[in-house]
N, C-alpha and C. Protein backbone atom coordinates (compact mmCIF):
# COMPACT_ATOMS: atom_id res chain seq x y z
N MET A 1 41.75 16.20 -231.97
CA MET A 1 41.33 14.91 -232.08
C MET A 1 41.40 14.30 -233.46
N THR A 2 41.76 13.08 -233.72
CA THR A 2 42.06 12.31 -234.85
C THR A 2 41.08 12.25 -236.12
N THR A 3 41.41 12.25 -237.03
CA THR A 3 40.24 11.94 -238.05
C THR A 3 39.44 10.98 -237.86
N ILE A 4 39.81 9.76 -237.45
CA ILE A 4 38.97 8.57 -236.71
C ILE A 4 38.24 9.01 -235.75
N GLU A 5 38.55 9.72 -234.87
CA GLU A 5 37.96 10.12 -233.75
C GLU A 5 36.84 11.21 -234.12
N GLN A 6 36.93 11.92 -235.25
CA GLN A 6 36.21 13.03 -235.54
C GLN A 6 35.14 12.16 -236.05
N ILE A 7 35.24 10.92 -237.11
CA ILE A 7 34.41 10.31 -237.83
C ILE A 7 33.50 9.55 -236.73
N PHE A 8 34.09 9.06 -235.39
CA PHE A 8 33.31 8.20 -234.30
C PHE A 8 32.46 9.16 -233.70
N ASP A 9 33.27 10.69 -233.21
CA ASP A 9 32.10 11.86 -232.75
C ASP A 9 30.89 12.20 -233.77
N LEU A 10 30.92 12.08 -234.95
CA LEU A 10 30.00 12.36 -236.00
C LEU A 10 29.03 11.19 -235.62
N PHE A 11 29.27 10.12 -235.79
CA PHE A 11 28.20 9.04 -235.61
C PHE A 11 27.59 8.99 -234.40
N ASN A 12 28.47 8.98 -233.38
CA ASN A 12 28.03 8.96 -231.96
C ASN A 12 27.25 10.15 -231.33
N ASN A 13 27.61 11.64 -232.03
CA ASN A 13 26.67 12.53 -231.72
C ASN A 13 25.56 13.08 -232.96
N HIS A 14 25.64 12.60 -234.06
CA HIS A 14 24.71 12.97 -234.86
C HIS A 14 24.04 11.75 -235.89
N GLY A 15 24.60 10.52 -235.34
CA GLY A 15 24.13 9.57 -236.34
C GLY A 15 22.73 8.99 -235.76
N GLY A 16 21.83 9.36 -234.46
CA GLY A 16 21.06 8.95 -234.03
C GLY A 16 19.91 8.94 -234.52
N SER A 17 19.84 10.03 -235.52
CA SER A 17 18.60 10.48 -236.01
C SER A 17 18.12 9.62 -237.23
N LEU A 18 16.75 9.11 -237.68
CA LEU A 18 16.34 8.44 -238.39
C LEU A 18 16.60 9.26 -239.69
N TYR A 19 17.23 7.75 -240.71
CA TYR A 19 17.91 8.22 -241.72
C TYR A 19 16.43 8.56 -242.84
N PHE A 20 16.69 9.85 -243.67
CA PHE A 20 15.46 10.44 -244.07
C PHE A 20 14.49 9.42 -244.31
N GLY A 21 13.56 9.47 -244.16
CA GLY A 21 12.16 8.51 -244.67
C GLY A 21 12.37 6.93 -244.55
N GLU A 22 13.16 6.58 -243.47
CA GLU A 22 13.42 5.15 -243.46
C GLU A 22 13.38 5.26 -241.98
N GLN A 23 13.41 3.68 -241.81
CA GLN A 23 13.00 3.33 -240.23
C GLN A 23 14.56 2.89 -239.53
N VAL A 24 15.58 3.40 -240.17
CA VAL A 24 16.79 2.86 -239.50
C VAL A 24 17.55 4.42 -239.26
N THR A 25 18.54 4.20 -238.39
CA THR A 25 19.18 5.51 -237.92
C THR A 25 20.31 5.68 -239.18
N GLU A 26 21.04 7.05 -239.34
CA GLU A 26 22.04 7.27 -239.87
C GLU A 26 23.10 6.35 -239.63
N THR A 27 23.19 6.28 -238.33
CA THR A 27 24.59 5.03 -238.11
C THR A 27 24.16 3.65 -238.37
N GLU A 28 22.87 3.53 -238.05
CA GLU A 28 22.48 1.69 -238.47
C GLU A 28 22.51 1.75 -240.28
N HIS A 29 22.25 2.42 -240.87
CA HIS A 29 22.31 2.51 -242.12
C HIS A 29 23.98 2.63 -242.55
N ALA A 30 24.43 3.46 -241.79
CA ALA A 30 25.99 3.12 -242.26
C ALA A 30 26.78 2.09 -242.30
N LEU A 31 26.36 1.75 -240.88
CA LEU A 31 27.04 0.17 -240.34
C LEU A 31 26.70 -1.13 -241.39
N GLN A 32 25.08 -0.92 -241.50
CA GLN A 32 24.67 -1.71 -242.20
C GLN A 32 25.21 -2.16 -243.85
N ALA A 33 25.66 -1.08 -244.52
CA ALA A 33 26.36 -0.56 -245.70
C ALA A 33 27.60 -1.12 -245.54
N ALA A 34 28.65 -0.95 -244.43
CA ALA A 34 29.64 -1.25 -244.50
C ALA A 34 29.65 -2.91 -244.08
N HIS A 35 28.95 -3.37 -243.20
CA HIS A 35 28.59 -4.83 -243.11
C HIS A 35 28.56 -5.38 -244.31
N LEU A 36 27.76 -4.89 -245.15
CA LEU A 36 27.60 -5.72 -246.55
C LEU A 36 28.68 -5.78 -247.32
N ALA A 37 29.30 -4.61 -247.55
CA ALA A 37 30.59 -4.56 -248.59
C ALA A 37 31.58 -5.67 -247.54
N ARG A 38 31.83 -5.53 -246.37
CA ARG A 38 32.85 -6.59 -245.59
C ARG A 38 32.39 -8.09 -245.72
N GLN A 39 31.19 -8.21 -245.83
CA GLN A 39 30.71 -9.40 -246.39
C GLN A 39 30.87 -9.64 -247.88
N ALA A 40 30.95 -8.84 -248.74
CA ALA A 40 31.28 -9.26 -250.00
C ALA A 40 32.49 -9.61 -250.20
N GLY A 41 33.56 -9.26 -249.19
CA GLY A 41 34.86 -9.39 -249.49
C GLY A 41 35.63 -8.02 -250.03
N ALA A 42 35.05 -7.00 -249.94
CA ALA A 42 35.27 -5.47 -250.69
C ALA A 42 36.89 -5.19 -249.89
N SER A 43 37.48 -4.68 -250.76
CA SER A 43 38.54 -4.30 -249.98
C SER A 43 38.53 -2.92 -248.71
N ASN A 44 39.35 -2.79 -247.58
CA ASN A 44 39.38 -1.98 -246.68
C ASN A 44 39.05 -0.57 -247.51
N GLU A 45 39.16 0.09 -248.39
CA GLU A 45 39.07 1.26 -249.14
C GLU A 45 37.67 1.26 -249.28
N VAL A 46 36.86 0.06 -249.76
CA VAL A 46 35.50 0.16 -250.25
C VAL A 46 34.65 0.00 -249.02
N ILE A 47 35.11 -0.76 -248.33
CA ILE A 47 34.31 -0.89 -246.54
C ILE A 47 34.34 0.47 -246.23
N ALA A 48 35.49 1.22 -246.07
CA ALA A 48 35.61 2.49 -245.60
C ALA A 48 34.49 3.39 -246.54
N GLY A 49 34.70 3.26 -247.75
CA GLY A 49 33.69 4.03 -248.70
C GLY A 49 32.08 3.90 -248.42
N ALA A 50 31.99 2.66 -248.19
CA ALA A 50 30.51 2.34 -247.88
C ALA A 50 30.16 2.66 -246.42
N LEU A 51 31.00 2.57 -245.44
CA LEU A 51 30.87 3.35 -244.19
C LEU A 51 30.55 4.56 -243.83
N LEU A 52 31.35 5.28 -244.88
CA LEU A 52 31.50 7.10 -245.04
C LEU A 52 30.34 7.38 -245.90
N HIS A 53 29.86 6.55 -247.07
CA HIS A 53 28.93 7.06 -248.08
C HIS A 53 28.04 8.32 -247.81
N ASP A 54 27.61 8.53 -246.32
CA ASP A 54 26.38 9.60 -246.07
C ASP A 54 27.15 10.25 -245.21
N ILE A 55 28.32 10.37 -244.93
CA ILE A 55 28.67 11.19 -244.13
C ILE A 55 28.35 12.55 -243.68
N GLY A 56 28.41 12.91 -244.71
CA GLY A 56 27.71 14.26 -245.32
C GLY A 56 26.26 14.76 -244.51
N HIS A 57 25.86 13.62 -244.54
CA HIS A 57 24.33 13.86 -243.96
C HIS A 57 24.62 14.21 -242.25
N LEU A 58 25.48 13.74 -241.60
CA LEU A 58 26.18 13.86 -240.21
C LEU A 58 26.58 15.44 -239.95
N MET A 59 27.20 16.05 -241.31
CA MET A 59 27.85 17.19 -241.11
C MET A 59 27.25 18.48 -241.47
N HIS A 60 26.25 18.78 -242.40
CA HIS A 60 25.46 19.54 -242.83
C HIS A 60 24.63 20.25 -242.01
N GLY A 61 23.89 19.54 -241.10
CA GLY A 61 23.28 20.45 -240.03
C GLY A 61 21.93 20.75 -240.37
N LEU A 62 21.40 20.10 -241.67
CA LEU A 62 20.14 20.81 -242.41
C LEU A 62 18.78 19.85 -241.77
N GLY A 63 19.10 18.68 -241.03
CA GLY A 63 17.97 17.80 -240.74
C GLY A 63 17.74 16.88 -241.65
N GLU A 64 17.24 15.63 -241.28
CA GLU A 64 16.64 14.75 -242.26
C GLU A 64 15.42 14.79 -243.03
N ASP A 65 14.66 15.96 -242.96
CA ASP A 65 13.47 16.27 -243.37
C ASP A 65 13.87 17.11 -244.52
N ILE A 66 14.83 17.93 -244.90
CA ILE A 66 15.23 18.73 -245.93
C ILE A 66 14.45 18.44 -247.11
N ALA A 67 14.47 17.01 -247.30
CA ALA A 67 13.71 16.77 -248.87
C ALA A 67 12.14 17.04 -248.93
N HIS A 68 11.67 17.22 -247.85
CA HIS A 68 9.91 17.50 -247.43
C HIS A 68 9.73 18.65 -247.95
N HIS A 69 11.11 19.79 -247.67
CA HIS A 69 11.00 21.27 -248.13
C HIS A 69 11.33 21.45 -249.37
N GLY A 70 12.02 20.53 -249.94
CA GLY A 70 12.41 20.64 -251.38
C GLY A 70 13.56 20.95 -251.47
N VAL A 71 14.79 20.59 -250.91
CA VAL A 71 16.24 20.92 -250.45
C VAL A 71 17.00 19.73 -250.83
N ASP A 72 17.94 20.06 -251.62
CA ASP A 72 18.96 18.63 -251.65
C ASP A 72 20.07 19.12 -251.04
N GLY A 73 20.39 18.91 -249.87
CA GLY A 73 21.59 19.37 -249.13
C GLY A 73 23.06 18.91 -249.74
N LYS A 74 23.16 18.23 -250.94
CA LYS A 74 24.14 17.88 -251.31
C LYS A 74 25.42 17.13 -250.58
N HIS A 75 24.36 16.22 -249.51
CA HIS A 75 25.55 15.47 -248.68
C HIS A 75 26.88 14.99 -249.45
N GLU A 76 26.67 14.33 -250.27
CA GLU A 76 27.71 13.66 -251.01
C GLU A 76 28.71 14.60 -251.43
N ASP A 77 28.70 15.82 -251.40
CA ASP A 77 29.78 16.89 -251.83
C ASP A 77 30.37 17.17 -250.22
N VAL A 78 29.35 17.44 -249.64
CA VAL A 78 29.62 17.72 -248.22
C VAL A 78 30.89 16.76 -247.76
N GLY A 79 30.34 15.63 -247.73
CA GLY A 79 31.00 14.27 -247.18
C GLY A 79 32.66 14.08 -247.87
N ALA A 80 32.33 14.23 -249.32
CA ALA A 80 33.72 14.28 -250.06
C ALA A 80 34.86 15.43 -250.19
N GLU A 81 34.28 16.43 -249.62
CA GLU A 81 35.20 17.59 -249.55
C GLU A 81 35.80 17.38 -247.93
N TRP A 82 35.26 16.93 -247.09
CA TRP A 82 35.68 16.92 -245.66
C TRP A 82 36.55 15.50 -245.95
N LEU A 83 36.31 14.68 -246.66
CA LEU A 83 37.47 13.52 -246.76
C LEU A 83 38.54 13.59 -247.64
N GLU A 84 38.88 14.90 -248.45
CA GLU A 84 39.68 15.18 -249.19
C GLU A 84 40.85 15.15 -248.38
N GLY A 85 41.80 14.42 -248.85
CA GLY A 85 43.37 14.59 -248.42
C GLY A 85 43.58 13.82 -246.95
N LYS A 86 42.31 13.22 -246.81
CA LYS A 86 42.53 12.11 -245.71
C LYS A 86 42.23 11.01 -245.91
N PHE A 87 41.67 10.42 -247.11
CA PHE A 87 41.31 9.18 -247.58
C PHE A 87 41.78 9.05 -248.94
N PRO A 88 42.03 7.81 -249.30
CA PRO A 88 42.60 7.55 -250.86
C PRO A 88 41.21 7.89 -251.50
N GLN A 89 41.37 7.83 -253.27
CA GLN A 89 40.37 8.70 -253.87
C GLN A 89 39.54 7.66 -254.20
N VAL A 90 39.55 6.50 -254.26
CA VAL A 90 38.48 5.53 -253.93
C VAL A 90 37.47 5.67 -253.06
N VAL A 91 37.70 5.90 -251.70
CA VAL A 91 36.93 6.13 -250.51
C VAL A 91 36.05 7.35 -251.05
N ILE A 92 36.75 8.67 -251.26
CA ILE A 92 36.23 9.66 -251.60
C ILE A 92 34.98 9.61 -252.74
N ASP A 93 35.23 9.20 -253.87
CA ASP A 93 34.60 8.42 -254.95
C ASP A 93 33.40 7.76 -254.56
N CYS A 94 33.55 7.03 -253.53
CA CYS A 94 32.36 6.15 -252.58
C CYS A 94 31.30 7.18 -252.26
N VAL A 95 31.80 8.09 -252.04
CA VAL A 95 30.95 9.07 -251.05
C VAL A 95 30.45 10.04 -252.17
N ARG A 96 31.29 10.73 -252.83
CA ARG A 96 30.99 11.66 -253.90
C ARG A 96 29.90 11.18 -255.23
N LEU A 97 30.44 9.87 -255.24
CA LEU A 97 29.47 9.27 -256.49
C LEU A 97 28.25 8.50 -256.05
N HIS A 98 28.09 8.36 -254.90
CA HIS A 98 26.91 7.41 -254.66
C HIS A 98 25.37 8.16 -254.96
N VAL A 99 25.20 9.30 -255.09
CA VAL A 99 23.95 9.71 -255.55
C VAL A 99 24.03 9.71 -257.13
N ALA A 100 25.15 10.13 -257.81
CA ALA A 100 25.11 9.85 -259.39
C ALA A 100 24.96 8.45 -259.65
N ALA A 101 25.46 7.49 -258.95
CA ALA A 101 25.23 6.12 -259.12
C ALA A 101 23.95 5.70 -259.09
N LYS A 102 22.85 6.34 -258.05
CA LYS A 102 21.33 6.17 -258.16
C LYS A 102 20.88 6.79 -259.53
N ARG A 103 21.33 7.86 -259.65
CA ARG A 103 20.59 8.25 -260.93
C ARG A 103 21.09 7.43 -262.22
N TYR A 104 22.39 6.81 -262.38
CA TYR A 104 22.83 6.17 -263.46
C TYR A 104 22.00 4.91 -263.54
N LEU A 105 21.71 4.16 -262.28
CA LEU A 105 21.19 2.97 -262.07
C LEU A 105 19.66 3.00 -262.77
N THR A 106 19.04 4.19 -262.19
CA THR A 106 17.52 4.34 -262.69
C THR A 106 17.46 4.69 -263.92
N ALA A 107 18.52 5.10 -264.46
CA ALA A 107 18.66 5.05 -266.43
C ALA A 107 19.06 3.88 -267.14
N THR A 108 19.93 2.93 -266.44
CA THR A 108 20.38 1.98 -266.91
C THR A 108 19.93 0.46 -266.61
N ASP A 109 19.16 0.12 -265.23
CA ASP A 109 18.60 -1.00 -265.06
C ASP A 109 17.22 -0.68 -264.61
N PRO A 110 16.67 -1.40 -265.87
CA PRO A 110 15.04 -1.22 -265.96
C PRO A 110 14.02 -1.75 -264.73
N GLY A 111 14.93 -2.22 -263.76
CA GLY A 111 13.93 -2.85 -262.47
C GLY A 111 14.38 -2.00 -261.05
N TYR A 112 15.23 -1.25 -261.35
CA TYR A 112 16.38 -0.56 -260.29
C TYR A 112 14.92 0.32 -259.55
N LEU A 113 14.49 1.34 -260.32
CA LEU A 113 13.84 2.28 -259.80
C LEU A 113 12.67 1.58 -258.67
N GLU A 114 11.90 0.41 -259.63
CA GLU A 114 10.92 0.16 -258.65
C GLU A 114 11.31 -0.68 -257.22
N GLY A 115 12.67 -0.69 -257.30
CA GLY A 115 12.99 -1.64 -255.80
C GLY A 115 13.73 -0.49 -254.81
N LEU A 116 13.57 1.01 -255.34
CA LEU A 116 13.88 1.83 -254.35
C LEU A 116 13.09 2.31 -253.24
N SER A 117 13.07 2.77 -252.12
CA SER A 117 12.38 3.24 -251.34
C SER A 117 11.60 4.50 -251.45
N VAL A 118 10.65 4.65 -250.92
CA VAL A 118 9.76 6.00 -251.27
C VAL A 118 10.53 6.96 -251.31
N ALA A 119 11.49 7.01 -249.98
CA ALA A 119 12.24 8.25 -249.63
C ALA A 119 13.29 8.29 -250.61
N SER A 120 13.85 7.37 -251.10
CA SER A 120 15.08 7.20 -252.01
C SER A 120 14.22 8.02 -253.48
N VAL A 121 13.07 7.49 -253.90
CA VAL A 121 12.89 7.89 -255.18
C VAL A 121 12.32 9.42 -254.92
N ASP A 122 11.82 9.83 -253.60
CA ASP A 122 11.64 11.30 -253.29
C ASP A 122 13.00 12.28 -253.57
N SER A 123 14.19 11.63 -252.71
CA SER A 123 15.54 12.14 -253.13
C SER A 123 16.26 12.16 -254.41
N LEU A 124 15.80 11.51 -255.41
CA LEU A 124 15.97 11.23 -256.68
C LEU A 124 15.28 12.66 -257.60
N ARG A 125 14.32 12.77 -257.51
CA ARG A 125 13.75 13.96 -257.89
C ARG A 125 14.65 15.37 -257.54
N LEU A 126 15.24 15.54 -256.43
CA LEU A 126 15.86 16.86 -256.14
C LEU A 126 17.27 16.43 -256.50
N GLN A 127 17.60 15.44 -256.36
CA GLN A 127 19.17 15.23 -257.15
C GLN A 127 18.96 15.12 -258.62
N GLY A 128 18.10 15.48 -259.69
CA GLY A 128 18.19 15.69 -260.70
C GLY A 128 17.47 14.49 -261.71
N GLY A 129 17.03 13.38 -260.75
CA GLY A 129 16.57 12.15 -261.63
C GLY A 129 17.45 11.52 -262.48
N PRO A 130 16.74 10.50 -263.18
CA PRO A 130 17.54 9.60 -263.85
C PRO A 130 18.46 10.41 -264.84
N PHE A 131 19.69 9.68 -264.96
CA PHE A 131 20.39 10.42 -265.92
C PHE A 131 20.12 10.54 -267.08
N SER A 132 20.52 10.85 -268.23
CA SER A 132 20.15 11.08 -269.86
C SER A 132 21.16 10.48 -270.16
N ALA A 133 21.19 9.62 -271.34
CA ALA A 133 22.00 8.73 -272.17
C ALA A 133 23.26 9.49 -272.15
N GLU A 134 23.45 10.85 -272.53
CA GLU A 134 24.76 11.53 -272.50
C GLU A 134 25.50 11.47 -271.03
N GLU A 135 24.54 11.91 -269.99
CA GLU A 135 25.03 11.78 -268.48
C GLU A 135 25.60 10.52 -268.44
N VAL A 136 24.60 9.31 -268.88
CA VAL A 136 25.64 8.09 -268.34
C VAL A 136 26.83 7.84 -269.35
N ALA A 137 27.04 8.17 -270.19
CA ALA A 137 28.13 7.80 -271.06
C ALA A 137 29.48 8.88 -270.40
N GLU A 138 28.93 9.90 -270.01
CA GLU A 138 30.09 10.66 -269.41
C GLU A 138 30.52 10.01 -268.39
N PHE A 139 29.44 9.57 -267.10
CA PHE A 139 29.65 8.93 -266.00
C PHE A 139 30.85 7.79 -266.35
N GLU A 140 30.32 6.97 -267.28
CA GLU A 140 31.24 6.06 -267.50
C GLU A 140 32.41 6.37 -267.87
N ARG A 141 32.57 7.19 -268.85
CA ARG A 141 33.91 7.87 -269.58
C ARG A 141 34.80 8.50 -268.40
N THR A 142 34.23 9.01 -267.24
CA THR A 142 34.91 10.20 -266.62
C THR A 142 35.26 10.08 -265.16
N GLU A 143 34.41 9.12 -265.24
CA GLU A 143 34.98 8.49 -263.66
C GLU A 143 35.58 6.84 -263.17
N PRO A 144 36.88 7.14 -263.27
CA PRO A 144 37.34 5.75 -263.03
C PRO A 144 36.66 4.90 -262.04
N ASN A 145 36.25 5.52 -260.86
CA ASN A 145 35.43 4.70 -260.07
C ASN A 145 34.10 4.40 -260.09
N PHE A 146 33.48 4.60 -261.07
CA PHE A 146 32.00 4.42 -261.24
C PHE A 146 31.57 2.99 -260.79
N ALA A 147 32.41 2.02 -261.49
CA ALA A 147 31.66 0.83 -260.99
C ALA A 147 31.93 0.61 -259.48
N THR A 148 32.86 0.80 -258.96
CA THR A 148 32.73 0.92 -257.24
C THR A 148 31.63 1.50 -256.82
N ALA A 149 31.21 2.91 -257.12
CA ALA A 149 30.26 3.56 -256.63
C ALA A 149 28.87 3.11 -257.06
N ILE A 150 28.46 2.40 -258.07
CA ILE A 150 27.71 1.53 -258.21
C ILE A 150 27.61 0.44 -257.05
N GLN A 151 28.31 -0.41 -256.75
CA GLN A 151 28.34 -1.32 -255.90
C GLN A 151 27.77 -0.91 -254.50
N VAL A 152 28.64 0.49 -254.19
CA VAL A 152 28.46 1.03 -252.90
C VAL A 152 26.75 1.50 -252.86
N ARG A 153 26.54 1.97 -254.23
CA ARG A 153 25.02 2.40 -253.95
C ARG A 153 24.21 0.94 -253.83
N ARG A 154 24.39 0.05 -254.38
CA ARG A 154 23.23 -1.32 -254.07
C ARG A 154 23.38 -1.28 -252.60
N TRP A 155 24.58 -1.28 -252.26
CA TRP A 155 24.68 -1.68 -250.86
C TRP A 155 23.89 -0.92 -249.77
N ASP A 156 24.20 0.48 -250.26
CA ASP A 156 23.31 1.87 -249.80
C ASP A 156 21.84 1.43 -249.87
N ASP A 157 20.97 1.10 -250.82
CA ASP A 157 20.18 0.59 -251.19
C ASP A 157 19.53 -0.26 -250.21
N GLU A 158 20.40 -1.47 -249.73
CA GLU A 158 20.04 -2.54 -249.04
C GLU A 158 20.00 -2.37 -247.55
N ALA A 159 20.53 -1.64 -247.22
CA ALA A 159 21.30 -1.00 -245.76
C ALA A 159 20.29 -0.16 -244.89
N LYS A 160 19.18 -0.98 -244.91
CA LYS A 160 17.79 -0.13 -244.44
C LYS A 160 17.14 -1.12 -243.82
N VAL A 161 17.33 -2.26 -243.02
CA VAL A 161 16.97 -3.10 -242.47
C VAL A 161 16.71 -2.73 -241.01
N VAL A 162 15.58 -3.00 -240.51
CA VAL A 162 15.32 -2.43 -239.01
C VAL A 162 15.56 -3.68 -238.10
N GLY A 163 16.46 -3.67 -237.00
CA GLY A 163 16.82 -4.45 -235.91
C GLY A 163 18.23 -5.20 -236.66
N LEU A 164 18.41 -5.09 -237.51
CA LEU A 164 19.72 -5.98 -238.10
C LEU A 164 21.09 -5.89 -237.10
N ASP A 165 21.45 -7.06 -236.49
CA ASP A 165 22.49 -6.84 -235.81
C ASP A 165 23.84 -7.01 -236.61
N VAL A 166 24.75 -5.76 -236.67
CA VAL A 166 25.90 -5.79 -237.20
C VAL A 166 27.04 -5.20 -236.33
N PRO A 167 28.12 -5.12 -236.55
CA PRO A 167 29.07 -4.52 -235.87
C PRO A 167 28.91 -3.23 -235.50
N ALA A 168 29.76 -2.79 -234.46
CA ALA A 168 29.54 -1.23 -233.97
C ALA A 168 30.55 -0.36 -234.60
N VAL A 169 30.28 0.81 -234.82
CA VAL A 169 31.12 1.77 -235.44
C VAL A 169 32.72 1.32 -235.09
N GLU A 170 32.95 1.29 -233.92
CA GLU A 170 34.31 1.27 -233.10
C GLU A 170 35.22 -0.06 -234.20
N SER A 171 34.30 -1.15 -234.38
CA SER A 171 34.58 -2.47 -235.05
C SER A 171 35.35 -1.84 -236.33
N TYR A 172 35.20 -0.81 -237.01
CA TYR A 172 35.84 -0.28 -238.21
C TYR A 172 36.85 0.38 -238.22
N ARG A 173 37.73 0.62 -236.87
CA ARG A 173 38.72 1.54 -236.54
C ARG A 173 39.94 0.85 -237.49
N ASP A 174 40.11 -0.52 -237.66
CA ASP A 174 41.02 -1.00 -237.87
C ASP A 174 41.10 -0.82 -239.76
N VAL A 175 40.08 -0.91 -240.51
CA VAL A 175 39.89 -0.38 -241.66
C VAL A 175 40.05 0.93 -241.84
N LEU A 176 39.53 1.76 -240.81
CA LEU A 176 39.86 3.30 -241.23
C LEU A 176 41.31 3.40 -241.28
N GLU A 177 42.03 3.03 -240.21
CA GLU A 177 43.20 3.24 -240.10
C GLU A 177 44.30 2.55 -240.96
N ALA A 178 43.75 1.28 -241.62
CA ALA A 178 44.52 0.90 -242.84
C ALA A 178 44.61 1.68 -243.87
N VAL A 179 43.40 2.53 -244.17
CA VAL A 179 43.18 3.26 -245.48
C VAL A 179 43.34 4.74 -245.37
N LEU A 180 43.47 5.25 -244.15
CA LEU A 180 43.80 6.62 -244.08
C LEU A 180 45.17 7.15 -244.24
N ILE A 181 45.23 8.47 -245.25
CA ILE A 181 46.50 8.66 -245.55
C ILE A 181 47.42 9.67 -243.96
N ALA A 182 48.61 9.24 -244.02
CA ALA A 182 49.27 9.68 -242.96
C ALA A 182 49.28 11.60 -242.94
């Protein structure tokens, strides 16, 4: 099975569960994030990153209620590790850094925390809470794709609209093929 077929298989077989604490499925959430990226005119790499940002949720097998049990499944690491060597670094960083971007935004954007869903605030606690001033500086200094990850994070936060009509997973085949490392 090709990498793209594996991705579609993950969405088709594991993406039907409700996204933790939200009223959309994992697949609906991913498709909405990718749709927002596409509407914004993002590059294929960033659209792919938006689509795949939560792929680790589909892989870790821990269930979407793990935060209720005080467990952080580190889905960002699971997903980034699986994508390593298959996609360019910017795609991997969209996945790897989207949780850090939430922590960054809660530390740097005064209104950001109030806009988060209850589930996102709950997971924030497990993920380490807002960055300290030192962590903010380190994130900006050491992560060349931090600004892209922040944009993907904002689409991630918006991608929770019940019943939103967006293109299906298969419609992203060309995007994934364009950025897949041969």
